[in-house]
Amino acid sequence: MQEQIVEDLTSNEFFRLLRVIHGRMNLDPLYEGFSKYFQNIIDINATYLPQSLNIIPFYQEITILLWRFMTLNTVSNPHWL
């Protein structure tokens, strides 16, 4: 009973939606979005011209979001990345 109360207090609609995302139609836009953000970090470190690209200031939050998605979503195939 106590575990159910704690789970109700810690979960919200956002976490519920992350748990139920599945299917190629839903996962492809997520994959493309995460790829663009992480590609930005690689491009910034690989450019020869300083200040030619702007770094995304919230890349650490995107990494945490990807980690939370992968830990919460048990429905989807883990080989989608």
PDB file of N, CA and C in Angstrom:
ATOM      1  N   MET A   1       0.824  -1.197   0.000  1.00  0.00           N
ATOM      2  CA  MET A   1       0.000   0.000   0.000  1.00  0.00           C
ATOM      3  C   MET A   1       0.864   1.256   0.000  1.00  0.00           C
ATOM      4  N   GLN A   2       1.881   1.269   0.861  1.00  0.00           N
ATOM      5  CA  GLN A   2       2.771   2.426   0.943  1.00  0.00           C
ATOM      6  C   GLN A   2       3.512   2.635  -0.378  1.00  0.00           C
ATOM      7  N   GLU A   3       3.907   1.547  -1.041  1.00  0.00           N
ATOM      8  CA  GLU A   3       4.612   1.645  -2.322  1.00  0.00           C
ATOM      9  C   GLU A   3       3.727   2.274  -3.389  1.00  0.00           C
ATOM     10  N   GLN A   4       2.444   1.944  -3.395  1.00  0.00           N
ATOM     11  CA  GLN A   4       1.508   2.507  -4.355  1.00  0.00           C
ATOM     12  C   GLN A   4       1.352   4.009  -4.142  1.00  0.00           C
ATOM     13  N   ILE A   5       1.310   4.445  -2.906  1.00  0.00           N
ATOM     14  CA  ILE A   5       1.183   5.871  -2.607  1.00  0.00           C
ATOM     15  C   ILE A   5       2.424   6.621  -3.083  1.00  0.00           C
ATOM     16  N   VAL A   6       3.600   6.072  -2.836  1.00  0.00           N
ATOM     17  CA  VAL A   6       4.841   6.714  -3.266  1.00  0.00           C
ATOM     18  C   VAL A   6       4.888   6.785  -4.781  1.00  0.00           C
ATOM     19  N   GLU A   7       4.472   5.714  -5.468  1.00  0.00           N
ATOM     20  CA  GLU A   7       4.476   5.724  -6.929  1.00  0.00           C
ATOM     21  C   GLU A   7       3.510   6.764  -7.475  1.00  0.00           C
ATOM     22  N   ASP A   8       2.338   6.911  -6.858  1.00  0.00           N
ATOM     23  CA  ASP A   8       1.378   7.915  -7.305  1.00  0.00           C
ATOM     24  C   ASP A   8       1.915   9.328  -7.118  1.00  0.00           C
ATOM     25  N   LEU A   9       2.680   9.556  -6.056  1.00  0.00           N
ATOM     26  CA  LEU A   9       3.215  10.883  -5.794  1.00  0.00           C
ATOM     27  C   LEU A   9       4.374  11.228  -6.722  1.00  0.00           C
ATOM     28  N   THR A  10       5.136  10.224  -7.143  1.00  0.00           N
ATOM     29  CA  THR A  10       6.314  10.511  -7.953  1.00  0.00           C
ATOM     30  C   THR A  10       6.042  10.476  -9.451  1.00  0.00           C
ATOM     31  N   SER A  11       4.984   9.824  -9.886  1.00  0.00           N
ATOM     32  CA  SER A  11       4.727   9.771 -11.325  1.00  0.00           C
ATOM     33  C   SER A  11       3.755  10.875 -11.722  1.00  0.00           C
ATOM     34  N   ASN A  12       3.888  11.317 -12.945  1.00  0.00           N
ATOM     35  CA  ASN A  12       2.978  12.307 -13.471  1.00  0.00           C
ATOM     36  C   ASN A  12       2.639  11.933 -14.914  1.00  0.00           C
ATOM     37  N   GLU A  13       1.925  12.769 -15.576  1.00  0.00           N
ATOM     38  CA  GLU A  13       1.469  12.471 -16.937  1.00  0.00           C
ATOM     39  C   GLU A  13       2.639  12.348 -17.907  1.00  0.00           C
ATOM     40  N   PHE A  14       3.664  13.153 -17.731  1.00  0.00           N
ATOM     41  CA  PHE A  14       4.829  13.096 -18.601  1.00  0.00           C
ATOM     42  C   PHE A  14       5.504  11.727 -18.511  1.00  0.00           C
ATOM     43  N   PHE A  15       5.706  11.211 -17.306  1.00  0.00           N
ATOM     44  CA  PHE A  15       6.323   9.901 -17.137  1.00  0.00           C
ATOM     45  C   PHE A  15       5.434   8.795 -17.688  1.00  0.00           C
ATOM     46  N   ARG A  16       4.137   8.939 -17.537  1.00  0.00           N
ATOM     47  CA  ARG A  16       3.226   7.936 -18.073  1.00  0.00           C
ATOM     48  C   ARG A  16       3.323   7.885 -19.598  1.00  0.00           C
ATOM     49  N   LEU A  17       3.401   9.043 -20.227  1.00  0.00           N
ATOM     50  CA  LEU A  17       3.523   9.086 -21.686  1.00  0.00           C
ATOM     51  C   LEU A  17       4.852   8.514 -22.156  1.00  0.00           C
ATOM     52  N   LEU A  18       5.933   8.760 -21.415  1.00  0.00           N
ATOM     53  CA  LEU A  18       7.224   8.177 -21.787  1.00  0.00           C
ATOM     54  C   LEU A  18       7.190   6.654 -21.713  1.00  0.00           C
ATOM     55  N   ARG A  19       6.414   6.122 -20.781  1.00  0.00           N
ATOM     56  CA  ARG A  19       6.345   4.666 -20.630  1.00  0.00           C
ATOM     57  C   ARG A  19       5.617   3.982 -21.779  1.00  0.00           C
ATOM     58  N   VAL A  20       4.666   4.648 -22.385  1.00  0.00           N
ATOM     59  CA  VAL A  20       3.817   3.962 -23.366  1.00  0.00           C
ATOM     60  C   VAL A  20       4.176   4.284 -24.814  1.00  0.00           C
ATOM     61  N   ILE A  21       5.217   5.076 -25.053  1.00  0.00           N
ATOM     62  CA  ILE A  21       5.619   5.360 -26.437  1.00  0.00           C
ATOM     63  C   ILE A  21       6.171   4.081 -27.039  1.00  0.00           C
ATOM     64  N   HIS A  22       5.619   3.696 -28.176  1.00  0.00           N
ATOM     65  CA  HIS A  22       6.122   2.533 -28.887  1.00  0.00           C
ATOM     66  C   HIS A  22       5.713   2.639 -30.350  1.00  0.00           C
ATOM     67  N   GLY A  23       6.294   1.835 -31.166  1.00  0.00           N
ATOM     68  CA  GLY A  23       5.977   1.842 -32.588  1.00  0.00           C
ATOM     69  C   GLY A  23       6.892   2.774 -33.360  1.00  0.00           C
ATOM     70  N   ARG A  24       7.134   2.404 -34.576  1.00  0.00           N
ATOM     71  CA  ARG A  24       8.071   3.164 -35.417  1.00  0.00           C
ATOM     72  C   ARG A  24       7.581   4.584 -35.675  1.00  0.00           C
ATOM     73  N   MET A  25       6.295   4.774 -35.778  1.00  0.00           N
ATOM     74  CA  MET A  25       5.751   6.098 -36.063  1.00  0.00           C
ATOM     75  C   MET A  25       6.062   7.084 -34.931  1.00  0.00           C
ATOM     76  N   ASN A  26       6.086   6.620 -33.711  1.00  0.00           N
ATOM     77  CA  ASN A  26       6.372   7.483 -32.566  1.00  0.00           C
ATOM     78  C   ASN A  26       7.864   7.570 -32.256  1.00  0.00           C
ATOM     79  N   LEU A  27       8.603   6.505 -32.523  1.00  0.00           N
ATOM     80  CA  LEU A  27      10.008   6.482 -32.154  1.00  0.00           C
ATOM     81  C   LEU A  27      10.906   7.182 -33.177  1.00  0.00           C
ATOM     82  N   ASP A  28      10.526   7.190 -34.442  1.00  0.00           N
ATOM     83  CA  ASP A  28      11.365   7.836 -35.457  1.00  0.00           C
ATOM     84  C   ASP A  28      11.572   9.334 -35.205  1.00  0.00           C
ATOM     85  N   PRO A  29      10.524  10.115 -34.892  1.00  0.00           N
ATOM     86  CA  PRO A  29      10.778  11.541 -34.595  1.00  0.00           C
ATOM     87  C   PRO A  29      11.653  11.741 -33.354  1.00  0.00           C
ATOM     88  N   LEU A  30      11.490  10.893 -32.350  1.00  0.00           N
ATOM     89  CA  LEU A  30      12.347  11.001 -31.171  1.00  0.00           C
ATOM     90  C   LEU A  30      13.799  10.704 -31.528  1.00  0.00           C
ATOM     91  N   TYR A  31      14.003   9.670 -32.312  1.00  0.00           N
ATOM     92  CA  TYR A  31      15.359   9.300 -32.727  1.00  0.00           C
ATOM     93  C   TYR A  31      16.003  10.428 -33.532  1.00  0.00           C
ATOM     94  N   GLU A  32      15.254  11.003 -34.466  1.00  0.00           N
ATOM     95  CA  GLU A  32      15.794  12.096 -35.283  1.00  0.00           C
ATOM     96  C   GLU A  32      16.118  13.320 -34.425  1.00  0.00           C
ATOM     97  N   GLY A  33      15.253  13.628 -33.477  1.00  0.00           N
ATOM     98  CA  GLY A  33      15.491  14.776 -32.604  1.00  0.00           C
ATOM     99  C   GLY A  33      16.707  14.590 -31.723  1.00  0.00           C
ATOM    100  N   PHE A  34      16.818  13.435 -31.080  1.00  0.00           N
ATOM    101  CA  PHE A  34      17.989  13.169 -30.253  1.00  0.00           C
ATOM    102  C   PHE A  34      19.258  13.175 -31.103  1.00  0.00           C
ATOM    103  N   SER A  35      19.184  12.624 -32.300  1.00  0.00           N
ATOM    104  CA  SER A  35      20.358  12.589 -33.184  1.00  0.00           C
ATOM    105  C   SER A  35      20.818  13.994 -33.548  1.00  0.00           C
ATOM    106  N   LYS A  36      19.890  14.897 -33.837  1.00  0.00           N
ATOM    107  CA  LYS A  36      20.259  16.270 -34.191  1.00  0.00           C
ATOM    108  C   LYS A  36      20.931  16.983 -33.023  1.00  0.00           C
ATOM    109  N   TYR A  37      20.401  16.791 -31.830  1.00  0.00           N
ATOM    110  CA  TYR A  37      20.992  17.456 -30.668  1.00  0.00           C
ATOM    111  C   TYR A  37      22.397  16.937 -30.380  1.00  0.00           C
ATOM    112  N   PHE A  38      22.577  15.623 -30.446  1.00  0.00           N
ATOM    113  CA  PHE A  38      23.887  15.068 -30.163  1.00  0.00           C
ATOM    114  C   PHE A  38      24.865  15.340 -31.310  1.00  0.00           C
ATOM    115  N   GLN A  39      24.374  15.433 -32.535  1.00  0.00           N
ATOM    116  CA  GLN A  39      25.233  15.784 -33.663  1.00  0.00           C
ATOM    117  C   GLN A  39      25.754  17.212 -33.527  1.00  0.00           C
ATOM    118  N   ASN A  40      24.969  18.090 -32.928  1.00  0.00           N
ATOM    119  CA  ASN A  40      25.403  19.459 -32.693  1.00  0.00           C
ATOM    120  C   ASN A  40      26.648  19.493 -31.821  1.00  0.00           C
ATOM    121  N   ILE A  41      26.703  18.667 -30.797  1.00  0.00           N
ATOM    122  CA  ILE A  41      27.860  18.621 -29.902  1.00  0.00           C
ATOM    123  C   ILE A  41      29.091  18.146 -30.673  1.00  0.00           C
ATOM    124  N   ILE A  42      28.925  17.158 -31.519  1.00  0.00           N
ATOM    125  CA  ILE A  42      30.044  16.645 -32.312  1.00  0.00           C
ATOM    126  C   ILE A  42      30.508  17.700 -33.310  1.00  0.00           C
ATOM    127  N   ASP A  43      29.568  18.357 -33.976  1.00  0.00           N
ATOM    128  CA  ASP A  43      29.926  19.369 -34.974  1.00  0.00           C
ATOM    129  C   ASP A  43      30.682  20.539 -34.357  1.00  0.00           C
ATOM    130  N   ILE A  44      30.296  20.934 -33.151  1.00  0.00           N
ATOM    131  CA  ILE A  44      30.963  22.061 -32.489  1.00  0.00           C
ATOM    132  C   ILE A  44      32.412  21.729 -32.193  1.00  0.00           C
ATOM    133  N   ASN A  45      32.665  20.498 -31.774  1.00  0.00           N
ATOM    134  CA  ASN A  45      34.036  20.114 -31.435  1.00  0.00           C
ATOM    135  C   ASN A  45      34.873  19.804 -32.671  1.00  0.00           C
ATOM    136  N   ALA A  46      34.249  19.608 -33.831  1.00  0.00           N
ATOM    137  CA  ALA A  46      34.983  19.236 -35.037  1.00  0.00           C
ATOM    138  C   ALA A  46      35.166  20.393 -36.015  1.00  0.00           C
ATOM    139  N   THR A  47      34.671  21.556 -35.713  1.00  0.00           N
ATOM    140  CA  THR A  47      34.778  22.674 -36.650  1.00  0.00           C
ATOM    141  C   THR A  47      36.135  23.375 -36.520  1.00  0.00           C
ATOM    142  N   TYR A  48      36.599  23.914 -37.620  1.00  0.00           N
ATOM    143  CA  TYR A  48      37.872  24.630 -37.625  1.00  0.00           C
ATOM    144  C   TYR A  48      37.698  26.114 -37.319  1.00  0.00           C
ATOM    145  N   LEU A  49      36.536  26.649 -37.603  1.00  0.00           N
ATOM    146  CA  LEU A  49      36.298  28.065 -37.373  1.00  0.00           C
ATOM    147  C   LEU A  49      35.679  28.277 -35.998  1.00  0.00           C
ATOM    148  N   PRO A  50      36.357  28.985 -35.123  1.00  0.00           N
ATOM    149  CA  PRO A  50      35.781  29.209 -33.790  1.00  0.00           C
ATOM    150  C   PRO A  50      34.525  30.071 -33.875  1.00  0.00           C
ATOM    151  N   GLN A  51      33.582  29.763 -33.058  1.00  0.00           N
ATOM    152  CA  GLN A  51      32.307  30.480 -32.964  1.00  0.00           C
ATOM    153  C   GLN A  51      31.486  30.405 -34.249  1.00  0.00           C
ATOM    154  N   SER A  52      31.762  29.437 -35.121  1.00  0.00           N
ATOM    155  CA  SER A  52      30.971  29.312 -36.345  1.00  0.00           C
ATOM    156  C   SER A  52      29.658  28.577 -36.093  1.00  0.00           C
ATOM    157  N   LEU A  53      29.616  27.800 -35.043  1.00  0.00           N
ATOM    158  CA  LEU A  53      28.382  27.109 -34.644  1.00  0.00           C
ATOM    159  C   LEU A  53      28.090  27.437 -33.191  1.00  0.00           C
ATOM    160  N   ASN A  54      26.826  27.497 -32.865  1.00  0.00           N
ATOM    161  CA  ASN A  54      26.431  27.746 -31.482  1.00  0.00           C
ATOM    162  C   ASN A  54      26.097  26.427 -30.807  1.00  0.00           C
ATOM    163  N   ILE A  55      26.619  26.253 -29.621  1.00  0.00           N
ATOM    164  CA  ILE A  55      26.327  25.040 -28.875  1.00  0.00           C
ATOM    165  C   ILE A  55      24.950  25.168 -28.231  1.00  0.00           C
ATOM    166  N   ILE A  56      24.257  24.077 -28.169  1.00  0.00           N
ATOM    167  CA  ILE A  56      22.964  24.055 -27.497  1.00  0.00           C
ATOM    168  C   ILE A  56      23.229  24.101 -25.996  1.00  0.00           C
ATOM    169  N   PRO A  57      22.697  25.085 -25.294  1.00  0.00           N
ATOM    170  CA  PRO A  57      23.049  25.238 -23.886  1.00  0.00           C
ATOM    171  C   PRO A  57      22.423  24.189 -22.966  1.00  0.00           C
ATOM    172  N   PHE A  58      21.503  23.398 -23.468  1.00  0.00           N
ATOM    173  CA  PHE A  58      20.822  22.436 -22.600  1.00  0.00           C
ATOM    174  C   PHE A  58      21.093  20.992 -23.026  1.00  0.00           C
ATOM    175  N   TYR A  59      22.294  20.698 -23.531  1.00  0.00           N
ATOM    176  CA  TYR A  59      22.585  19.347 -23.991  1.00  0.00           C
ATOM    177  C   TYR A  59      22.643  18.346 -22.836  1.00  0.00           C
ATOM    178  N   GLN A  60      22.983  18.792 -21.632  1.00  0.00           N
ATOM    179  CA  GLN A  60      22.996  17.879 -20.488  1.00  0.00           C
ATOM    180  C   GLN A  60      21.584  17.432 -20.129  1.00  0.00           C
ATOM    181  N   GLU A  61      20.622  18.330 -20.244  1.00  0.00           N
ATOM    182  CA  GLU A  61      19.240  17.972 -19.977  1.00  0.00           C
ATOM    183  C   GLU A  61      18.707  16.995 -21.025  1.00  0.00           C
ATOM    184  N   ILE A  62      19.153  17.152 -22.270  1.00  0.00           N
ATOM    185  CA  ILE A  62      18.732  16.226 -23.325  1.00  0.00           C
ATOM    186  C   ILE A  62      19.293  14.833 -23.055  1.00  0.00           C
ATOM    187  N   THR A  63      20.523  14.779 -22.570  1.00  0.00           N
ATOM    188  CA  THR A  63      21.108  13.487 -22.224  1.00  0.00           C
ATOM    189  C   THR A  63      20.326  12.820 -21.101  1.00  0.00           C
ATOM    190  N   ILE A  64      19.932  13.576 -20.114  1.00  0.00           N
ATOM    191  CA  ILE A  64      19.136  13.026 -19.019  1.00  0.00           C
ATOM    192  C   ILE A  64      17.759  12.595 -19.515  1.00  0.00           C
ATOM    193  N   LEU A  65      17.169  13.371 -20.422  1.00  0.00           N
ATOM    194  CA  LEU A  65      15.877  12.997 -20.996  1.00  0.00           C
ATOM    195  C   LEU A  65      15.977  11.686 -21.754  1.00  0.00           C
ATOM    196  N   LEU A  66      17.033  11.497 -22.536  1.00  0.00           N
ATOM    197  CA  LEU A  66      17.228  10.231 -23.245  1.00  0.00           C
ATOM    198  C   LEU A  66      17.395   9.077 -22.266  1.00  0.00           C
ATOM    199  N   TRP A  67      18.176   9.295 -21.214  1.00  0.00           N
ATOM    200  CA  TRP A  67      18.365   8.267 -20.204  1.00  0.00           C
ATOM    201  C   TRP A  67      17.041   7.910 -19.514  1.00  0.00           C
ATOM    202  N   ARG A  68      16.253   8.918 -19.158  1.00  0.00           N
ATOM    203  CA  ARG A  68      14.952   8.650 -18.510  1.00  0.00           C
ATOM    204  C   ARG A  68      14.015   7.912 -19.460  1.00  0.00           C
ATOM    205  N   PHE A  69      14.020   8.293 -20.725  1.00  0.00           N
ATOM    206  CA  PHE A  69      13.175   7.613 -21.696  1.00  0.00           C
ATOM    207  C   PHE A  69      13.556   6.147 -21.811  1.00  0.00           C
ATOM    208  N   MET A  70      14.856   5.879 -21.860  1.00  0.00           N
ATOM    209  CA  MET A  70      15.300   4.495 -22.027  1.00  0.00           C
ATOM    210  C   MET A  70      15.045   3.665 -20.775  1.00  0.00           C
ATOM    211  N   THR A  71      15.079   4.272 -19.603  1.00  0.00           N
ATOM    212  CA  THR A  71      14.822   3.503 -18.388  1.00  0.00           C
ATOM    213  C   THR A  71      13.336   3.333 -18.119  1.00  0.00           C
ATOM    214  N   LEU A  72      12.532   4.310 -18.489  1.00  0.00           N
ATOM    215  CA  LEU A  72      11.095   4.214 -18.221  1.00  0.00           C
ATOM    216  C   LEU A  72      10.352   3.393 -19.266  1.00  0.00           C
ATOM    217  N   ASN A  73      10.770   3.464 -20.505  1.00  0.00           N
ATOM    218  CA  ASN A  73      10.027   2.828 -21.582  1.00  0.00           C
ATOM    219  C   ASN A  73      10.485   1.387 -21.745  1.00  0.00           C
ATOM    220  N   THR A  74       9.669   0.466 -21.258  1.00  0.00           N
ATOM    221  CA  THR A  74       9.975  -0.952 -21.389  1.00  0.00           C
ATOM    222  C   THR A  74       9.163  -1.594 -22.502  1.00  0.00           C
ATOM    223  N   VAL A  75       8.264  -0.833 -23.130  1.00  0.00           N
ATOM    224  CA  VAL A  75       7.398  -1.371 -24.170  1.00  0.00           C
ATOM    225  C   VAL A  75       8.143  -1.498 -25.488  1.00  0.00           C
ATOM    226  N   SER A  76       8.973  -0.504 -25.792  1.00  0.00           N
ATOM    227  CA  SER A  76       9.599  -0.463 -27.106  1.00  0.00           C
ATOM    228  C   SER A  76      10.790  -1.403 -27.181  1.00  0.00           C
ATOM    229  N   ASN A  77      11.192  -1.672 -28.388  1.00  0.00           N
ATOM    230  CA  ASN A  77      12.343  -2.512 -28.666  1.00  0.00           C
ATOM    231  C   ASN A  77      13.615  -1.752 -28.290  1.00  0.00           C
ATOM    232  N   PRO A  78      14.518  -2.329 -27.508  1.00  0.00           N
ATOM    233  CA  PRO A  78      15.718  -1.581 -27.111  1.00  0.00           C
ATOM    234  C   PRO A  78      16.696  -1.347 -28.242  1.00  0.00           C
ATOM    235  N   HIS A  79      16.463  -1.932 -29.421  1.00  0.00           N
ATOM    236  CA  HIS A  79      17.385  -1.782 -30.540  1.00  0.00           C
ATOM    237  C   HIS A  79      16.977  -0.639 -31.459  1.00  0.00           C
ATOM    238  N   TRP A  80      16.137   0.283 -31.008  1.00  0.00           N
ATOM    239  CA  TRP A  80      15.681   1.358 -31.881  1.00  0.00           C
ATOM    240  C   TRP A  80      16.744   2.411 -32.065  1.00  0.00           C
ATOM    241  N   LEU A  81      17.746   2.468 -31.212  1.00  0.00           N
ATOM    242  CA  LEU A  81      18.806   3.477 -31.361  1.00  0.00           C
ATOM    243  C   LEU A  81      19.801   3.087 -32.399  1.00  0.00           C
TER     244      LEU A  81
END
